[in-house]
Amino acid sequence: MSELAEIHVRGEDRAPIIVIVGEIDISNVSIIREAIDATVPDAVVLVIDLSRTTFLDSAGIALLLAIGDRLHTARRELDVVITEDAPIRRVTKLAGLDAQVPVVASVDDVNPGAI
């Protein structure tokens, strides 16, 4: 993947969970976008788990918003997992991410019918 981040995919094709470990910034956001895009084609619900993401800049926020918009347009769902104590929680709140896409504290909080 990237020196800054690792991506792990689990779950099924229609409801994958993408776990991003490490940092998301302008230097690796295009690589992360490509990895997510490769996972998304059959997804009805996509969960992006950022509970192990240690840094997120504006490029990462823009990526999440773009994915959310694209899935919403296709009548699909994006849920983002960010724990309350995650290092990136404050920046996502300031950026208003949770006003645009559902942000939950754990994968267990994702809509049960979604995964």
N, C-alpha and C. Protein backbone atom coordinates (compact mmCIF):
# COMPACT_ATOMS: atom_id res chain seq x y z
N MET A 1 0.85 -1.18 0.00
CA MET A 1 0.00 0.00 0.00
C MET A 1 0.89 1.23 0.00
N SER A 2 0.85 1.99 1.03
CA SER A 2 1.60 3.23 1.16
C SER A 2 2.44 3.13 2.43
N GLU A 3 3.50 3.90 2.49
CA GLU A 3 4.30 3.90 3.71
C GLU A 3 3.51 4.49 4.88
N LEU A 4 2.54 5.31 4.60
CA LEU A 4 1.79 5.98 5.65
C LEU A 4 0.58 5.20 6.13
N ALA A 5 0.00 4.40 5.24
CA ALA A 5 -1.25 3.73 5.59
C ALA A 5 -1.30 2.32 5.05
N GLU A 6 -2.02 1.49 5.78
CA GLU A 6 -2.32 0.13 5.33
C GLU A 6 -3.83 0.02 5.20
N ILE A 7 -4.27 -0.69 4.18
CA ILE A 7 -5.70 -0.90 4.00
C ILE A 7 -5.98 -2.38 4.09
N HIS A 8 -6.97 -2.73 4.91
CA HIS A 8 -7.40 -4.11 5.05
C HIS A 8 -8.89 -4.15 4.72
N VAL A 9 -9.28 -5.12 3.92
CA VAL A 9 -10.69 -5.27 3.55
C VAL A 9 -11.20 -6.58 4.11
N ARG A 10 -12.34 -6.50 4.76
CA ARG A 10 -12.97 -7.71 5.26
C ARG A 10 -14.46 -7.61 4.97
N GLY A 11 -15.15 -8.69 5.16
CA GLY A 11 -16.58 -8.70 4.88
C GLY A 11 -16.84 -9.19 3.47
N GLU A 12 -18.07 -9.05 3.05
CA GLU A 12 -18.46 -9.54 1.73
C GLU A 12 -18.47 -8.42 0.72
N ASP A 13 -18.58 -8.79 -0.57
CA ASP A 13 -18.52 -7.81 -1.65
C ASP A 13 -19.62 -6.75 -1.56
N ARG A 14 -20.80 -7.13 -1.10
CA ARG A 14 -21.92 -6.19 -1.05
C ARG A 14 -21.90 -5.31 0.20
N ALA A 15 -21.11 -5.70 1.20
CA ALA A 15 -21.00 -4.91 2.43
C ALA A 15 -19.58 -5.01 3.00
N PRO A 16 -18.60 -4.51 2.24
CA PRO A 16 -17.22 -4.61 2.73
C PRO A 16 -16.94 -3.60 3.85
N ILE A 17 -16.00 -3.98 4.68
CA ILE A 17 -15.49 -3.09 5.72
C ILE A 17 -14.03 -2.83 5.37
N ILE A 18 -13.72 -1.57 5.14
CA ILE A 18 -12.35 -1.17 4.81
C ILE A 18 -11.74 -0.55 6.07
N VAL A 19 -10.67 -1.14 6.55
CA VAL A 19 -9.98 -0.64 7.74
C VAL A 19 -8.71 0.05 7.26
N ILE A 20 -8.56 1.32 7.64
CA ILE A 20 -7.36 2.07 7.25
C ILE A 20 -6.55 2.32 8.51
N VAL A 21 -5.33 1.81 8.51
CA VAL A 21 -4.41 1.91 9.64
C VAL A 21 -3.29 2.87 9.26
N GLY A 22 -3.07 3.90 10.09
CA GLY A 22 -1.98 4.83 9.81
C GLY A 22 -2.50 6.21 9.44
N GLU A 23 -1.80 6.86 8.52
CA GLU A 23 -2.09 8.24 8.16
C GLU A 23 -2.70 8.36 6.77
N ILE A 24 -3.64 9.30 6.64
CA ILE A 24 -4.22 9.63 5.34
C ILE A 24 -3.93 11.11 5.11
N ASP A 25 -3.18 11.39 4.06
CA ASP A 25 -2.90 12.79 3.74
C ASP A 25 -2.73 12.94 2.23
N ILE A 26 -2.40 14.12 1.81
CA ILE A 26 -2.30 14.44 0.39
C ILE A 26 -1.32 13.51 -0.35
N SER A 27 -0.32 13.00 0.37
CA SER A 27 0.70 12.18 -0.30
C SER A 27 0.20 10.77 -0.64
N ASN A 28 -0.84 10.29 0.03
CA ASN A 28 -1.30 8.93 -0.24
C ASN A 28 -2.79 8.82 -0.53
N VAL A 29 -3.49 9.95 -0.56
CA VAL A 29 -4.94 9.89 -0.74
C VAL A 29 -5.34 9.27 -2.08
N SER A 30 -4.57 9.48 -3.13
CA SER A 30 -4.92 8.89 -4.43
C SER A 30 -4.76 7.37 -4.41
N ILE A 31 -3.78 6.87 -3.70
CA ILE A 31 -3.60 5.43 -3.56
C ILE A 31 -4.75 4.82 -2.76
N ILE A 32 -5.13 5.52 -1.71
CA ILE A 32 -6.25 5.05 -0.89
C ILE A 32 -7.54 5.08 -1.70
N ARG A 33 -7.75 6.15 -2.48
CA ARG A 33 -8.94 6.25 -3.34
C ARG A 33 -9.00 5.06 -4.30
N GLU A 34 -7.89 4.73 -4.92
CA GLU A 34 -7.86 3.60 -5.86
C GLU A 34 -8.21 2.29 -5.17
N ALA A 35 -7.67 2.09 -3.97
CA ALA A 35 -7.96 0.86 -3.23
C ALA A 35 -9.44 0.79 -2.85
N ILE A 36 -10.00 1.90 -2.43
CA ILE A 36 -11.42 1.92 -2.07
C ILE A 36 -12.27 1.72 -3.32
N ASP A 37 -11.94 2.39 -4.41
CA ASP A 37 -12.69 2.24 -5.66
C ASP A 37 -12.71 0.80 -6.15
N ALA A 38 -11.62 0.09 -5.93
CA ALA A 38 -11.56 -1.32 -6.34
C ALA A 38 -12.51 -2.18 -5.51
N THR A 39 -12.84 -1.72 -4.32
CA THR A 39 -13.71 -2.47 -3.41
C THR A 39 -15.18 -2.12 -3.60
N VAL A 40 -15.46 -0.91 -4.05
CA VAL A 40 -16.81 -0.36 -4.07
C VAL A 40 -17.75 -0.90 -5.13
N PRO A 41 -17.33 -1.37 -6.29
CA PRO A 41 -18.28 -1.64 -7.38
C PRO A 41 -19.52 -2.43 -7.00
N ASP A 42 -19.41 -3.44 -6.18
CA ASP A 42 -20.56 -4.26 -5.83
C ASP A 42 -21.15 -3.91 -4.47
N ALA A 43 -20.56 -2.95 -3.80
CA ALA A 43 -21.00 -2.63 -2.43
C ALA A 43 -22.34 -1.90 -2.42
N VAL A 44 -23.25 -2.42 -1.65
CA VAL A 44 -24.51 -1.73 -1.38
C VAL A 44 -24.29 -0.82 -0.18
N VAL A 45 -23.52 -1.32 0.76
CA VAL A 45 -23.13 -0.56 1.95
C VAL A 45 -21.61 -0.69 2.07
N LEU A 46 -20.97 0.44 2.28
CA LEU A 46 -19.53 0.45 2.48
C LEU A 46 -19.25 1.02 3.86
N VAL A 47 -18.45 0.31 4.63
CA VAL A 47 -18.03 0.80 5.94
C VAL A 47 -16.54 1.09 5.85
N ILE A 48 -16.18 2.31 6.19
CA ILE A 48 -14.76 2.68 6.27
C ILE A 48 -14.44 2.88 7.74
N ASP A 49 -13.59 2.01 8.25
CA ASP A 49 -13.23 2.00 9.67
C ASP A 49 -11.94 2.81 9.85
N LEU A 50 -12.07 3.98 10.46
CA LEU A 50 -10.92 4.84 10.71
C LEU A 50 -10.49 4.82 12.17
N SER A 51 -10.93 3.82 12.91
CA SER A 51 -10.60 3.76 14.33
C SER A 51 -9.11 3.58 14.58
N ARG A 52 -8.37 3.13 13.59
CA ARG A 52 -6.91 2.97 13.73
C ARG A 52 -6.15 3.95 12.84
N THR A 53 -6.84 4.98 12.36
CA THR A 53 -6.21 6.02 11.56
C THR A 53 -5.67 7.08 12.51
N THR A 54 -4.39 7.40 12.36
CA THR A 54 -3.74 8.30 13.32
C THR A 54 -3.66 9.74 12.85
N PHE A 55 -3.87 9.97 11.56
CA PHE A 55 -3.81 11.34 11.02
C PHE A 55 -4.71 11.41 9.81
N LEU A 56 -5.43 12.53 9.67
CA LEU A 56 -6.33 12.74 8.55
C LEU A 56 -6.31 14.23 8.22
N ASP A 57 -5.90 14.56 6.98
CA ASP A 57 -5.89 15.98 6.62
C ASP A 57 -7.09 16.29 5.73
N SER A 58 -7.11 17.50 5.19
CA SER A 58 -8.25 17.94 4.38
C SER A 58 -8.43 17.09 3.12
N ALA A 59 -7.36 16.55 2.58
CA ALA A 59 -7.48 15.67 1.41
C ALA A 59 -8.23 14.40 1.78
N GLY A 60 -7.98 13.88 2.97
CA GLY A 60 -8.69 12.70 3.44
C GLY A 60 -10.16 12.98 3.70
N ILE A 61 -10.45 14.14 4.28
CA ILE A 61 -11.85 14.54 4.50
C ILE A 61 -12.56 14.66 3.16
N ALA A 62 -11.91 15.31 2.20
CA ALA A 62 -12.50 15.47 0.86
C ALA A 62 -12.77 14.12 0.21
N LEU A 63 -11.87 13.19 0.40
CA LEU A 63 -12.05 11.83 -0.13
C LEU A 63 -13.30 11.19 0.46
N LEU A 64 -13.45 11.25 1.76
CA LEU A 64 -14.62 10.64 2.41
C LEU A 64 -15.91 11.30 1.94
N LEU A 65 -15.91 12.62 1.81
CA LEU A 65 -17.10 13.32 1.33
C LEU A 65 -17.44 12.92 -0.10
N ALA A 66 -16.42 12.81 -0.94
CA ALA A 66 -16.66 12.43 -2.34
C ALA A 66 -17.21 11.01 -2.44
N ILE A 67 -16.66 10.10 -1.67
CA ILE A 67 -17.17 8.73 -1.66
C ILE A 67 -18.61 8.70 -1.16
N GLY A 68 -18.88 9.44 -0.11
CA GLY A 68 -20.24 9.51 0.43
C GLY A 68 -21.22 10.05 -0.60
N ASP A 69 -20.85 11.12 -1.30
CA ASP A 69 -21.71 11.69 -2.34
C ASP A 69 -21.96 10.70 -3.46
N ARG A 70 -20.89 10.06 -3.90
CA ARG A 70 -21.01 9.10 -5.01
C ARG A 70 -21.92 7.93 -4.63
N LEU A 71 -21.74 7.39 -3.45
CA LEU A 71 -22.58 6.28 -3.02
C LEU A 71 -24.03 6.72 -2.82
N HIS A 72 -24.22 7.90 -2.25
CA HIS A 72 -25.58 8.41 -2.03
C HIS A 72 -26.31 8.59 -3.37
N THR A 73 -25.62 9.10 -4.36
CA THR A 73 -26.21 9.29 -5.69
C THR A 73 -26.65 7.96 -6.28
N ALA A 74 -25.90 6.90 -6.00
CA ALA A 74 -26.23 5.56 -6.50
C ALA A 74 -27.16 4.81 -5.56
N ARG A 75 -27.71 5.52 -4.55
CA ARG A 75 -28.62 4.93 -3.56
C ARG A 75 -27.96 3.80 -2.78
N ARG A 76 -26.69 4.03 -2.49
CA ARG A 76 -25.95 3.10 -1.64
C ARG A 76 -25.51 3.87 -0.39
N GLU A 77 -24.92 3.19 0.55
CA GLU A 77 -24.66 3.79 1.85
C GLU A 77 -23.19 3.73 2.22
N LEU A 78 -22.72 4.79 2.86
CA LEU A 78 -21.39 4.84 3.44
C LEU A 78 -21.55 5.09 4.93
N ASP A 79 -20.88 4.29 5.73
CA ASP A 79 -20.78 4.52 7.17
C ASP A 79 -19.30 4.62 7.51
N VAL A 80 -18.94 5.62 8.32
CA VAL A 80 -17.56 5.82 8.73
C VAL A 80 -17.46 5.55 10.23
N VAL A 81 -16.50 4.73 10.61
CA VAL A 81 -16.27 4.39 12.01
C VAL A 81 -15.10 5.21 12.54
N ILE A 82 -15.39 6.03 13.56
CA ILE A 82 -14.35 6.80 14.24
C ILE A 82 -14.68 6.75 15.73
N THR A 83 -13.82 6.14 16.51
CA THR A 83 -14.07 6.05 17.94
C THR A 83 -14.00 7.44 18.58
N GLU A 84 -14.67 7.58 19.70
CA GLU A 84 -14.70 8.88 20.40
C GLU A 84 -13.30 9.35 20.81
N ASP A 85 -12.39 8.41 21.09
CA ASP A 85 -11.05 8.78 21.52
C ASP A 85 -10.01 8.75 20.40
N ALA A 86 -10.46 8.60 19.17
CA ALA A 86 -9.54 8.54 18.02
C ALA A 86 -8.83 9.88 17.83
N PRO A 87 -7.55 9.84 17.46
CA PRO A 87 -6.80 11.08 17.25
C PRO A 87 -7.43 11.98 16.18
N ILE A 88 -8.17 11.40 15.25
CA ILE A 88 -8.73 12.18 14.15
C ILE A 88 -10.15 12.68 14.45
N ARG A 89 -10.71 12.32 15.57
CA ARG A 89 -12.11 12.66 15.87
C ARG A 89 -12.36 14.17 15.86
N ARG A 90 -11.48 14.92 16.46
CA ARG A 90 -11.69 16.37 16.55
C ARG A 90 -11.71 17.02 15.16
N VAL A 91 -10.77 16.65 14.30
CA VAL A 91 -10.71 17.27 12.98
C VAL A 91 -11.94 16.90 12.14
N THR A 92 -12.46 15.69 12.29
CA THR A 92 -13.65 15.31 11.52
C THR A 92 -14.87 16.07 12.01
N LYS A 93 -14.94 16.32 13.32
CA LYS A 93 -16.05 17.12 13.86
C LYS A 93 -15.96 18.56 13.37
N LEU A 94 -14.76 19.14 13.42
CA LEU A 94 -14.57 20.51 12.97
C LEU A 94 -14.89 20.66 11.48
N ALA A 95 -14.57 19.64 10.71
CA ALA A 95 -14.83 19.67 9.26
C ALA A 95 -16.29 19.39 8.93
N GLY A 96 -17.06 18.94 9.92
CA GLY A 96 -18.48 18.66 9.68
C GLY A 96 -18.74 17.38 8.94
N LEU A 97 -17.81 16.44 9.01
CA LEU A 97 -17.98 15.16 8.31
C LEU A 97 -19.27 14.46 8.73
N ASP A 98 -19.55 14.47 10.04
CA ASP A 98 -20.72 13.77 10.53
C ASP A 98 -22.05 14.39 10.09
N ALA A 99 -22.00 15.60 9.56
CA ALA A 99 -23.21 16.22 9.00
C ALA A 99 -23.47 15.74 7.58
N GLN A 100 -22.45 15.14 6.96
CA GLN A 100 -22.55 14.71 5.57
C GLN A 100 -22.69 13.20 5.40
N VAL A 101 -22.02 12.45 6.28
CA VAL A 101 -22.09 10.99 6.23
C VAL A 101 -22.28 10.46 7.65
N PRO A 102 -22.91 9.29 7.79
CA PRO A 102 -23.05 8.73 9.14
C PRO A 102 -21.68 8.36 9.73
N VAL A 103 -21.41 8.88 10.91
CA VAL A 103 -20.18 8.56 11.64
C VAL A 103 -20.60 7.86 12.91
N VAL A 104 -20.07 6.65 13.12
CA VAL A 104 -20.42 5.85 14.30
C VAL A 104 -19.15 5.52 15.07
N ALA A 105 -19.31 5.13 16.34
CA ALA A 105 -18.17 4.88 17.22
C ALA A 105 -17.55 3.50 17.06
N SER A 106 -18.30 2.55 16.48
CA SER A 106 -17.75 1.21 16.28
C SER A 106 -18.50 0.53 15.14
N VAL A 107 -17.91 -0.52 14.62
CA VAL A 107 -18.56 -1.29 13.56
C VAL A 107 -19.88 -1.86 14.07
N ASP A 108 -19.95 -2.15 15.36
CA ASP A 108 -21.18 -2.68 15.94
C ASP A 108 -22.33 -1.67 15.88
N ASP A 109 -22.00 -0.38 15.74
CA ASP A 109 -23.03 0.66 15.68
C ASP A 109 -23.56 0.91 14.27
N VAL A 110 -22.98 0.26 13.29
CA VAL A 110 -23.46 0.40 11.91
C VAL A 110 -24.83 -0.22 11.83
N ASN A 111 -25.69 0.37 11.02
CA ASN A 111 -27.04 -0.16 10.81
C ASN A 111 -26.97 -1.68 10.64
N PRO A 112 -27.63 -2.45 11.51
CA PRO A 112 -27.53 -3.92 11.47
C PRO A 112 -27.91 -4.52 10.13
N GLY A 113 -28.82 -3.90 9.42
CA GLY A 113 -29.21 -4.42 8.10
C GLY A 113 -28.18 -4.11 7.04
N ALA A 114 -27.24 -3.23 7.38
CA ALA A 114 -26.25 -2.82 6.39
C ALA A 114 -25.14 -3.83 6.21
N ILE A 115 -24.75 -4.50 7.30
CA ILE A 115 -23.63 -5.44 7.16
C ILE A 115 -24.02 -6.84 7.57
